[in-house]
């Protein structure tokens, strides 16, 4: 497989060099050494996928939809990762309009030392359907640090959404327990999180409807959210598992425009089930 990928990559790059040489009035050396591809450890390449059902879609303390299909496919190679994630609500009506969502993301994890790992990345949120919110896309960068050798895995992440002009600090911690003595091939996972969010452009300059209400373009909105996830993970193999669990999330945001889609809920309790596979 590595030979095929190397040959294809070389052909593409040589073709691009030829096009540039024909369109740009400068000399371009097409005798490029592609031996760098030989240094890629393709044995480290992996892919993961997860598909499942959530009876609510809650994002950063805000409920964005009811019953939904959720899934992702992700590829990893030597610390670099890229993938696509989606939430597809099962039903819509005139009073509750829930949008399909597709997130495209990429990034890399960097070992800082034996105990600390950094994560830098970018995510593109795309909402292809029209809705009362009328926001069809936003872009977000992140940087995070995690302690990998602690009794649990604490993390701190900073996010900045360029369209919402939104800053977010999120603190989280997770712990995986082996309960194979009780239920063979089974783990119990817990994750808790706390987020502090502040947005200075609530509608991302994309909505005309929002200006008819008490909100104007450029209005800001900030709140704190928190939550806890508990999952039982049954491992069929090292790379195939079934996940079922409950989640709780709350927030102190009583004025958010986005909340009007789900009744301005300040807390949510829901459950989900998913099938995970990789190679």
C-alpha atoms as a PDB file:
ATOM      1  CA  UNK A   1       0.000   0.000   0.000  1.00  0.00           C
ATOM      2  CA  UNK A   2       2.833   2.389   0.825  1.00  0.00           C
ATOM      3  CA  UNK A   3       4.329   2.008  -2.682  1.00  0.00           C
ATOM      4  CA  UNK A   4       0.993   2.820  -4.314  1.00  0.00           C
ATOM      5  CA  UNK A   5       0.460   5.885  -2.132  1.00  0.00           C
ATOM      6  CA  UNK A   6       4.002   7.102  -2.794  1.00  0.00           C
ATOM      7  CA  UNK A   7       3.613   6.666  -6.561  1.00  0.00           C
ATOM      8  CA  UNK A   8       0.247   8.436  -6.635  1.00  0.00           C
ATOM      9  CA  UNK A   9       1.500  11.306  -4.477  1.00  0.00           C
ATOM     10  CA  UNK A  10       4.587  11.723  -6.660  1.00  0.00           C
ATOM     11  CA  UNK A  11       2.497  11.815  -9.842  1.00  0.00           C
ATOM     12  CA  UNK A  12       0.158  14.444  -8.386  1.00  0.00           C
ATOM     13  CA  UNK A  13       2.985  16.669  -7.191  1.00  0.00           C
ATOM     14  CA  UNK A  14       4.846  16.389 -10.502  1.00  0.00           C
ATOM     15  CA  UNK A  15       1.635  17.327 -12.321  1.00  0.00           C
ATOM     16  CA  UNK A  16       1.121  20.339 -10.072  1.00  0.00           C
ATOM     17  CA  UNK A  17       4.696  21.425 -10.661  1.00  0.00           C
ATOM     18  CA  UNK A  18       4.142  21.213 -14.437  1.00  0.00           C
ATOM     19  CA  UNK A  19       1.007  23.354 -14.190  1.00  0.00           C
ATOM     20  CA  UNK A  20       2.769  25.962 -12.077  1.00  0.00           C
ATOM     21  CA  UNK A  21       5.719  26.009 -14.463  1.00  0.00           C
ATOM     22  CA  UNK A  22       3.336  26.702 -17.349  1.00  0.00           C
ATOM     23  CA  UNK A  23       1.358  29.453 -15.601  1.00  0.00           C
ATOM     24  CA  UNK A  24       3.932  31.283 -13.460  1.00  0.00           C
ATOM     25  CA  UNK A  25       6.860  33.036 -15.178  1.00  0.00           C
ATOM     26  CA  UNK A  26       9.531  31.628 -12.886  1.00  0.00           C
ATOM     27  CA  UNK A  27      11.737  28.589 -13.030  1.00  0.00           C
ATOM     28  CA  UNK A  28      10.464  25.654 -11.013  1.00  0.00           C
ATOM     29  CA  UNK A  29      12.626  22.595 -10.489  1.00  0.00           C
ATOM     30  CA  UNK A  30      10.454  19.569 -11.243  1.00  0.00           C
ATOM     31  CA  UNK A  31      13.199  17.144 -10.209  1.00  0.00           C
ATOM     32  CA  UNK A  32      11.737  16.878  -6.734  1.00  0.00           C
ATOM     33  CA  UNK A  33      13.027  14.277  -4.319  1.00  0.00           C
ATOM     34  CA  UNK A  34       9.968  12.434  -3.023  1.00  0.00           C
ATOM     35  CA  UNK A  35      11.938  10.160  -0.709  1.00  0.00           C
ATOM     36  CA  UNK A  36      10.245  11.903   2.241  1.00  0.00           C
ATOM     37  CA  UNK A  37       7.286   9.603   1.598  1.00  0.00           C
ATOM     38  CA  UNK A  38       9.517   6.636   2.339  1.00  0.00           C
ATOM     39  CA  UNK A  39       9.980   7.990   5.873  1.00  0.00           C
ATOM     40  CA  UNK A  40       6.280   7.896   6.686  1.00  0.00           C
ATOM     41  CA  UNK A  41       5.478   4.970   8.968  1.00  0.00           C
ATOM     42  CA  UNK A  42       2.275   3.760   7.341  1.00  0.00           C
ATOM     43  CA  UNK A  43       1.989   1.050   9.977  1.00  0.00           C
ATOM     44  CA  UNK A  44       0.841   3.863  12.270  1.00  0.00           C
ATOM     45  CA  UNK A  45      -2.108   4.692   9.998  1.00  0.00           C
ATOM     46  CA  UNK A  46      -5.483   3.969  11.564  1.00  0.00           C
ATOM     47  CA  UNK A  47      -9.151   4.742  10.983  1.00  0.00           C
ATOM     48  CA  UNK A  48     -12.020   4.912  13.428  1.00  0.00           C
ATOM     49  CA  UNK A  49     -15.751   5.168  12.953  1.00  0.00           C
ATOM     50  CA  UNK A  50     -18.687   5.482  15.290  1.00  0.00           C
ATOM     51  CA  UNK A  51     -22.402   5.473  14.510  1.00  0.00           C
ATOM     52  CA  UNK A  52     -25.233   5.674  16.978  1.00  0.00           C
ATOM     53  CA  UNK A  53     -28.384   7.236  18.402  1.00  0.00           C
ATOM     54  CA  UNK A  54     -28.780  10.066  20.931  1.00  0.00           C
ATOM     55  CA  UNK A  55     -32.237  10.965  22.207  1.00  0.00           C
ATOM     56  CA  UNK A  56     -31.048  14.590  22.519  1.00  0.00           C
ATOM     57  CA  UNK A  57     -28.259  16.545  20.863  1.00  0.00           C
ATOM     58  CA  UNK A  58     -26.666  18.836  23.441  1.00  0.00           C
ATOM     59  CA  UNK A  59     -23.645  20.935  22.485  1.00  0.00           C
ATOM     60  CA  UNK A  60     -21.808  23.019  25.070  1.00  0.00           C
ATOM     61  CA  UNK A  61     -24.766  23.011  27.419  1.00  0.00           C
ATOM     62  CA  UNK A  62     -27.332  23.946  24.756  1.00  0.00           C
ATOM     63  CA  UNK A  63     -29.850  21.450  23.378  1.00  0.00           C
ATOM     64  CA  UNK A  64     -29.842  21.757  19.578  1.00  0.00           C
ATOM     65  CA  UNK A  65     -32.075  18.811  18.621  1.00  0.00           C
ATOM     66  CA  UNK A  66     -34.163  15.906  19.868  1.00  0.00           C
ATOM     67  CA  UNK A  67     -33.733  12.281  18.702  1.00  0.00           C
ATOM     68  CA  UNK A  68     -30.757  12.174  16.337  1.00  0.00           C
ATOM     69  CA  UNK A  69     -28.376   9.944  14.459  1.00  0.00           C
ATOM     70  CA  UNK A  70     -24.748  10.776  15.266  1.00  0.00           C
ATOM     71  CA  UNK A  71     -21.576   9.455  13.725  1.00  0.00           C
ATOM     72  CA  UNK A  72     -18.032  10.162  12.672  1.00  0.00           C
ATOM     73  CA  UNK A  73     -15.213   8.746  10.566  1.00  0.00           C
ATOM     74  CA  UNK A  74     -11.632   9.703  11.446  1.00  0.00           C
ATOM     75  CA  UNK A  75      -8.184   8.911  10.039  1.00  0.00           C
ATOM     76  CA  UNK A  76      -4.935   9.131  12.031  1.00  0.00           C
ATOM     77  CA  UNK A  77      -1.290   9.020  10.996  1.00  0.00           C
ATOM     78  CA  UNK A  78       1.685   9.738  13.266  1.00  0.00           C
ATOM     79  CA  UNK A  79      -0.194  12.260  15.399  1.00  0.00           C
ATOM     80  CA  UNK A  80      -2.116  13.917  12.574  1.00  0.00           C
ATOM     81  CA  UNK A  81      -5.864  13.372  12.339  1.00  0.00           C
ATOM     82  CA  UNK A  82      -8.755  14.401  10.125  1.00  0.00           C
ATOM     83  CA  UNK A  83     -12.402  13.426   9.967  1.00  0.00           C
ATOM     84  CA  UNK A  84     -16.064  14.262   9.545  1.00  0.00           C
ATOM     85  CA  UNK A  85     -18.727  14.260  12.277  1.00  0.00           C
ATOM     86  CA  UNK A  86     -22.486  14.604  11.802  1.00  0.00           C
ATOM     87  CA  UNK A  87     -25.737  14.999  13.716  1.00  0.00           C
ATOM     88  CA  UNK A  88     -28.913  14.226  11.758  1.00  0.00           C
ATOM     89  CA  UNK A  89     -32.206  14.849  13.634  1.00  0.00           C
ATOM     90  CA  UNK A  90     -34.897  12.245  12.992  1.00  0.00           C
ATOM     91  CA  UNK A  91     -37.824  14.655  12.800  1.00  0.00           C
ATOM     92  CA  UNK A  92     -38.638  18.334  12.370  1.00  0.00           C
ATOM     93  CA  UNK A  93     -41.850  20.316  12.618  1.00  0.00           C
ATOM     94  CA  UNK A  94     -42.939  23.904  12.158  1.00  0.00           C
ATOM     95  CA  UNK A  95     -42.462  24.752  15.829  1.00  0.00           C
ATOM     96  CA  UNK A  96     -39.147  22.973  16.369  1.00  0.00           C
ATOM     97  CA  UNK A  97     -36.784  23.212  13.436  1.00  0.00           C
ATOM     98  CA  UNK A  98     -33.616  21.185  14.027  1.00  0.00           C
ATOM     99  CA  UNK A  99     -30.842  21.434  11.468  1.00  0.00           C
ATOM    100  CA  UNK A 100     -28.603  18.748  10.048  1.00  0.00           C
ATOM    101  CA  UNK A 101     -24.995  19.389  10.976  1.00  0.00           C
ATOM    102  CA  UNK A 102     -21.728  18.293   9.375  1.00  0.00           C
ATOM    103  CA  UNK A 103     -18.367  19.104  11.002  1.00  0.00           C
ATOM    104  CA  UNK A 104     -15.114  18.754   9.080  1.00  0.00           C
ATOM    105  CA  UNK A 105     -12.001  18.797  11.246  1.00  0.00           C
ATOM    106  CA  UNK A 106      -8.254  18.268  11.231  1.00  0.00           C
ATOM    107  CA  UNK A 107      -5.402  18.658  13.680  1.00  0.00           C
ATOM    108  CA  UNK A 108      -2.388  17.070  15.296  1.00  0.00           C
ATOM    109  CA  UNK A 109      -1.379  15.846  18.729  1.00  0.00           C
ATOM    110  CA  UNK A 110       2.122  16.718  19.924  1.00  0.00           C
ATOM    111  CA  UNK A 111       3.890  15.078  22.897  1.00  0.00           C
ATOM    112  CA  UNK A 112       5.305  17.889  25.040  1.00  0.00           C
ATOM    113  CA  UNK A 113       6.990  15.447  27.432  1.00  0.00           C
ATOM    114  CA  UNK A 114       6.247  12.040  28.931  1.00  0.00           C
ATOM    115  CA  UNK A 115       3.223  13.360  30.816  1.00  0.00           C
ATOM    116  CA  UNK A 116       1.781  16.215  28.732  1.00  0.00           C
ATOM    117  CA  UNK A 117       0.263  16.085  25.253  1.00  0.00           C
ATOM    118  CA  UNK A 118      -0.754  19.103  23.176  1.00  0.00           C
ATOM    119  CA  UNK A 119      -3.547  19.182  20.594  1.00  0.00           C
ATOM    120  CA  UNK A 120      -3.916  21.839  17.876  1.00  0.00           C
ATOM    121  CA  UNK A 121      -6.689  21.807  15.292  1.00  0.00           C
ATOM    122  CA  UNK A 122      -9.440  23.406  13.196  1.00  0.00           C
ATOM    123  CA  UNK A 123     -13.138  22.597  12.743  1.00  0.00           C
ATOM    124  CA  UNK A 124     -15.615  23.758  10.096  1.00  0.00           C
ATOM    125  CA  UNK A 125     -19.263  23.600  11.198  1.00  0.00           C
ATOM    126  CA  UNK A 126     -21.707  23.357   8.271  1.00  0.00           C
ATOM    127  CA  UNK A 127     -25.515  23.489   8.513  1.00  0.00           C
ATOM    128  CA  UNK A 128     -26.825  22.834   4.974  1.00  0.00           C
ATOM    129  CA  UNK A 129     -30.498  23.392   5.829  1.00  0.00           C
ATOM    130  CA  UNK A 130     -32.268  26.702   6.365  1.00  0.00           C
ATOM    131  CA  UNK A 131     -33.595  27.405   9.848  1.00  0.00           C
ATOM    132  CA  UNK A 132     -34.814  30.178  12.103  1.00  0.00           C
ATOM    133  CA  UNK A 133     -31.217  30.752  13.096  1.00  0.00           C
ATOM    134  CA  UNK A 134     -30.087  31.095   9.500  1.00  0.00           C
ATOM    135  CA  UNK A 135     -26.476  30.298  10.405  1.00  0.00           C
ATOM    136  CA  UNK A 136     -25.090  27.962   7.762  1.00  0.00           C
ATOM    137  CA  UNK A 137     -21.430  27.710   8.755  1.00  0.00           C
ATOM    138  CA  UNK A 138     -18.830  28.749  11.334  1.00  0.00           C
ATOM    139  CA  UNK A 139     -15.094  28.137  11.705  1.00  0.00           C
ATOM    140  CA  UNK A 140     -13.202  27.364  14.878  1.00  0.00           C
ATOM    141  CA  UNK A 141      -9.593  26.838  15.995  1.00  0.00           C
ATOM    142  CA  UNK A 142      -8.492  25.079  19.160  1.00  0.00           C
ATOM    143  CA  UNK A 143      -5.427  24.325  21.259  1.00  0.00           C
ATOM    144  CA  UNK A 144      -5.401  22.003  24.252  1.00  0.00           C
ATOM    145  CA  UNK A 145      -3.222  20.298  26.833  1.00  0.00           C
ATOM    146  CA  UNK A 146      -3.825  16.909  28.488  1.00  0.00           C
ATOM    147  CA  UNK A 147      -2.057  15.021  31.266  1.00  0.00           C
ATOM    148  CA  UNK A 148      -1.717  11.471  29.999  1.00  0.00           C
ATOM    149  CA  UNK A 149      -0.087   9.834  33.038  1.00  0.00           C
ATOM    150  CA  UNK A 150      -2.394  11.110  35.791  1.00  0.00           C
ATOM    151  CA  UNK A 151      -4.786   8.934  37.821  1.00  0.00           C
ATOM    152  CA  UNK A 152      -7.459  10.364  35.526  1.00  0.00           C
ATOM    153  CA  UNK A 153      -6.980  12.337  32.293  1.00  0.00           C
ATOM    154  CA  UNK A 154      -7.423  16.066  32.955  1.00  0.00           C
ATOM    155  CA  UNK A 155      -7.487  18.453  29.985  1.00  0.00           C
ATOM    156  CA  UNK A 156      -7.805  22.156  29.321  1.00  0.00           C
ATOM    157  CA  UNK A 157      -8.807  23.472  25.891  1.00  0.00           C
ATOM    158  CA  UNK A 158      -9.115  26.937  24.380  1.00  0.00           C
ATOM    159  CA  UNK A 159     -11.422  27.453  21.370  1.00  0.00           C
ATOM    160  CA  UNK A 160     -11.901  30.500  19.174  1.00  0.00           C
ATOM    161  CA  UNK A 161     -14.721  30.713  16.625  1.00  0.00           C
ATOM    162  CA  UNK A 162     -13.844  33.342  14.028  1.00  0.00           C
ATOM    163  CA  UNK A 163     -17.440  33.860  12.821  1.00  0.00           C
ATOM    164  CA  UNK A 164     -19.147  34.064  16.224  1.00  0.00           C
ATOM    165  CA  UNK A 165     -16.108  35.898  17.655  1.00  0.00           C
ATOM    166  CA  UNK A 166     -16.480  33.381  20.430  1.00  0.00           C
ATOM    167  CA  UNK A 167     -13.898  32.407  23.030  1.00  0.00           C
ATOM    168  CA  UNK A 168     -14.263  29.280  25.112  1.00  0.00           C
ATOM    169  CA  UNK A 169     -12.241  27.640  27.858  1.00  0.00           C
ATOM    170  CA  UNK A 170     -13.222  24.068  28.650  1.00  0.00           C
ATOM    171  CA  UNK A 171     -11.844  21.990  31.516  1.00  0.00           C
ATOM    172  CA  UNK A 172     -12.496  18.253  31.588  1.00  0.00           C
ATOM    173  CA  UNK A 173     -11.402  15.027  33.169  1.00  0.00           C
ATOM    174  CA  UNK A 174     -12.027  11.389  32.242  1.00  0.00           C
ATOM    175  CA  UNK A 175     -11.388   7.995  33.740  1.00  0.00           C
ATOM    176  CA  UNK A 176     -11.682   4.474  32.283  1.00  0.00           C
ATOM    177  CA  UNK A 177     -12.253   1.505  34.609  1.00  0.00           C
ATOM    178  CA  UNK A 178     -11.813  -2.149  33.698  1.00  0.00           C
ATOM    179  CA  UNK A 179     -14.818  -4.044  35.097  1.00  0.00           C
ATOM    180  CA  UNK A 180     -14.001  -7.299  33.299  1.00  0.00           C
ATOM    181  CA  UNK A 181     -14.196  -9.202  36.604  1.00  0.00           C
ATOM    182  CA  UNK A 182     -17.872  -8.257  36.808  1.00  0.00           C
ATOM    183  CA  UNK A 183     -18.797  -8.218  33.100  1.00  0.00           C
ATOM    184  CA  UNK A 184     -16.228  -9.826  30.765  1.00  0.00           C
ATOM    185  CA  UNK A 185     -14.607  -7.564  28.141  1.00  0.00           C
ATOM    186  CA  UNK A 186     -16.261  -4.475  29.589  1.00  0.00           C
ATOM    187  CA  UNK A 187     -15.097  -1.000  30.651  1.00  0.00           C
ATOM    188  CA  UNK A 188     -16.834   1.788  32.530  1.00  0.00           C
ATOM    189  CA  UNK A 189     -16.038   5.332  31.422  1.00  0.00           C
ATOM    190  CA  UNK A 190     -16.700   8.657  33.189  1.00  0.00           C
ATOM    191  CA  UNK A 191     -16.130  12.173  31.902  1.00  0.00           C
ATOM    192  CA  UNK A 192     -16.875  15.505  33.554  1.00  0.00           C
ATOM    193  CA  UNK A 193     -16.474  18.966  32.036  1.00  0.00           C
ATOM    194  CA  UNK A 194     -16.891  22.677  32.720  1.00  0.00           C
ATOM    195  CA  UNK A 195     -16.940  25.362  30.040  1.00  0.00           C
ATOM    196  CA  UNK A 196     -16.828  29.180  30.097  1.00  0.00           C
ATOM    197  CA  UNK A 197     -18.045  30.718  26.836  1.00  0.00           C
ATOM    198  CA  UNK A 198     -18.381  34.261  25.518  1.00  0.00           C
ATOM    199  CA  UNK A 199     -19.531  35.199  21.989  1.00  0.00           C
ATOM    200  CA  UNK A 200     -19.465  38.741  20.581  1.00  0.00           C
ATOM    201  CA  UNK A 201     -21.299  38.040  17.317  1.00  0.00           C
ATOM    202  CA  UNK A 202     -24.254  35.836  18.183  1.00  0.00           C
ATOM    203  CA  UNK A 203     -25.566  35.306  14.649  1.00  0.00           C
ATOM    204  CA  UNK A 204     -22.201  35.299  12.824  1.00  0.00           C
ATOM    205  CA  UNK A 205     -23.519  38.130  10.578  1.00  0.00           C
ATOM    206  CA  UNK A 206     -25.598  35.533   8.726  1.00  0.00           C
ATOM    207  CA  UNK A 207     -29.132  35.960  10.097  1.00  0.00           C
ATOM    208  CA  UNK A 208     -31.656  38.636   9.155  1.00  0.00           C
ATOM    209  CA  UNK A 209     -34.374  37.115  11.333  1.00  0.00           C
ATOM    210  CA  UNK A 210     -32.434  37.670  14.534  1.00  0.00           C
ATOM    211  CA  UNK A 211     -32.528  41.448  14.092  1.00  0.00           C
ATOM    212  CA  UNK A 212     -36.349  41.375  14.416  1.00  0.00           C
ATOM    213  CA  UNK A 213     -35.990  40.332  18.049  1.00  0.00           C
ATOM    214  CA  UNK A 214     -34.219  41.962  20.974  1.00  0.00           C
ATOM    215  CA  UNK A 215     -30.878  40.839  19.580  1.00  0.00           C
ATOM    216  CA  UNK A 216     -28.859  42.803  17.049  1.00  0.00           C
ATOM    217  CA  UNK A 217     -25.914  41.790  14.949  1.00  0.00           C
ATOM    218  CA  UNK A 218     -22.797  41.901  17.004  1.00  0.00           C
ATOM    219  CA  UNK A 219     -24.657  41.283  20.284  1.00  0.00           C
ATOM    220  CA  UNK A 220     -22.682  39.183  22.699  1.00  0.00           C
ATOM    221  CA  UNK A 221     -23.758  36.235  24.807  1.00  0.00           C
ATOM    222  CA  UNK A 222     -21.827  34.475  27.528  1.00  0.00           C
ATOM    223  CA  UNK A 223     -22.590  31.633  29.894  1.00  0.00           C
ATOM    224  CA  UNK A 224     -21.106  28.729  31.860  1.00  0.00           C
ATOM    225  CA  UNK A 225     -21.987  25.104  31.199  1.00  0.00           C
ATOM    226  CA  UNK A 226     -21.126  21.811  32.880  1.00  0.00           C
ATOM    227  CA  UNK A 227     -21.826  18.123  32.452  1.00  0.00           C
ATOM    228  CA  UNK A 228     -21.094  14.482  33.173  1.00  0.00           C
ATOM    229  CA  UNK A 229     -21.076  11.405  30.898  1.00  0.00           C
ATOM    230  CA  UNK A 230     -21.138   7.766  32.051  1.00  0.00           C
ATOM    231  CA  UNK A 231     -20.739   4.955  29.516  1.00  0.00           C
ATOM    232  CA  UNK A 232     -20.556   1.178  29.585  1.00  0.00           C
ATOM    233  CA  UNK A 233     -18.266  -0.104  26.816  1.00  0.00           C
ATOM    234  CA  UNK A 234     -18.485  -3.734  25.734  1.00  0.00           C
ATOM    235  CA  UNK A 235     -15.434  -4.766  23.667  1.00  0.00           C
ATOM    236  CA  UNK A 236     -16.116  -7.418  21.046  1.00  0.00           C
ATOM    237  CA  UNK A 237     -12.458  -7.136  19.921  1.00  0.00           C
ATOM    238  CA  UNK A 238      -9.625  -4.669  20.464  1.00  0.00           C
ATOM    239  CA  UNK A 239     -11.097  -2.414  17.764  1.00  0.00           C
ATOM    240  CA  UNK A 240     -14.850  -3.119  17.830  1.00  0.00           C
ATOM    241  CA  UNK A 241     -17.097  -2.097  20.717  1.00  0.00           C
ATOM    242  CA  UNK A 242     -20.644  -1.228  21.738  1.00  0.00           C
ATOM    243  CA  UNK A 243     -21.194   1.875  23.882  1.00  0.00           C
ATOM    244  CA  UNK A 244     -24.298   2.758  25.887  1.00  0.00           C
ATOM    245  CA  UNK A 245     -24.573   5.498  28.457  1.00  0.00           C
ATOM    246  CA  UNK A 246     -26.308   8.449  30.071  1.00  0.00           C
ATOM    247  CA  UNK A 247     -25.368  12.125  29.964  1.00  0.00           C
ATOM    248  CA  UNK A 248     -26.240  15.195  32.002  1.00  0.00           C
ATOM    249  CA  UNK A 249     -25.576  18.827  31.094  1.00  0.00           C
ATOM    250  CA  UNK A 250     -26.544  22.206  32.556  1.00  0.00           C
ATOM    251  CA  UNK A 251     -25.991  25.900  31.898  1.00  0.00           C
ATOM    252  CA  UNK A 252     -26.721  29.310  33.429  1.00  0.00           C
ATOM    253  CA  UNK A 253     -27.756  30.927  30.124  1.00  0.00           C
ATOM    254  CA  UNK A 254     -31.324  32.157  30.338  1.00  0.00           C
ATOM    255  CA  UNK A 255     -31.316  34.574  27.398  1.00  0.00           C
ATOM    256  CA  UNK A 256     -29.733  32.701  24.496  1.00  0.00           C
ATOM    257  CA  UNK A 257     -31.492  33.070  21.140  1.00  0.00           C
ATOM    258  CA  UNK A 258     -30.527  29.546  20.157  1.00  0.00           C
ATOM    259  CA  UNK A 259     -32.349  28.193  23.213  1.00  0.00           C
ATOM    260  CA  UNK A 260     -35.747  29.246  21.856  1.00  0.00           C
ATOM    261  CA  UNK A 261     -35.694  26.151  19.632  1.00  0.00           C
ATOM    262  CA  UNK A 262     -35.864  23.837  22.648  1.00  0.00           C
ATOM    263  CA  UNK A 263     -37.691  25.851  25.253  1.00  0.00           C
ATOM    264  CA  UNK A 264     -34.757  27.608  26.946  1.00  0.00           C
ATOM    265  CA  UNK A 265     -33.763  24.540  28.920  1.00  0.00           C
ATOM    266  CA  UNK A 266     -31.126  25.097  31.581  1.00  0.00           C
ATOM    267  CA  UNK A 267     -30.360  21.396  32.075  1.00  0.00           C
ATOM    268  CA  UNK A 268     -30.744  18.130  30.159  1.00  0.00           C
ATOM    269  CA  UNK A 269     -30.607  14.426  30.964  1.00  0.00           C
ATOM    270  CA  UNK A 270     -30.452  12.019  28.034  1.00  0.00           C
ATOM    271  CA  UNK A 271     -28.973   8.731  26.830  1.00  0.00           C
ATOM    272  CA  UNK A 272     -27.273   7.292  23.773  1.00  0.00           C
ATOM    273  CA  UNK A 273     -26.007   4.106  22.186  1.00  0.00           C
ATOM    274  CA  UNK A 274     -23.255   3.716  19.576  1.00  0.00           C
ATOM    275  CA  UNK A 275     -21.243   1.139  17.675  1.00  0.00           C
ATOM    276  CA  UNK A 276     -17.491   1.825  17.350  1.00  0.00           C
ATOM    277  CA  UNK A 277     -15.100   0.143  14.921  1.00  0.00           C
ATOM    278  CA  UNK A 278     -11.570   0.797  13.719  1.00  0.00           C
ATOM    279  CA  UNK A 279      -8.501  -0.704  12.123  1.00  0.00           C
END
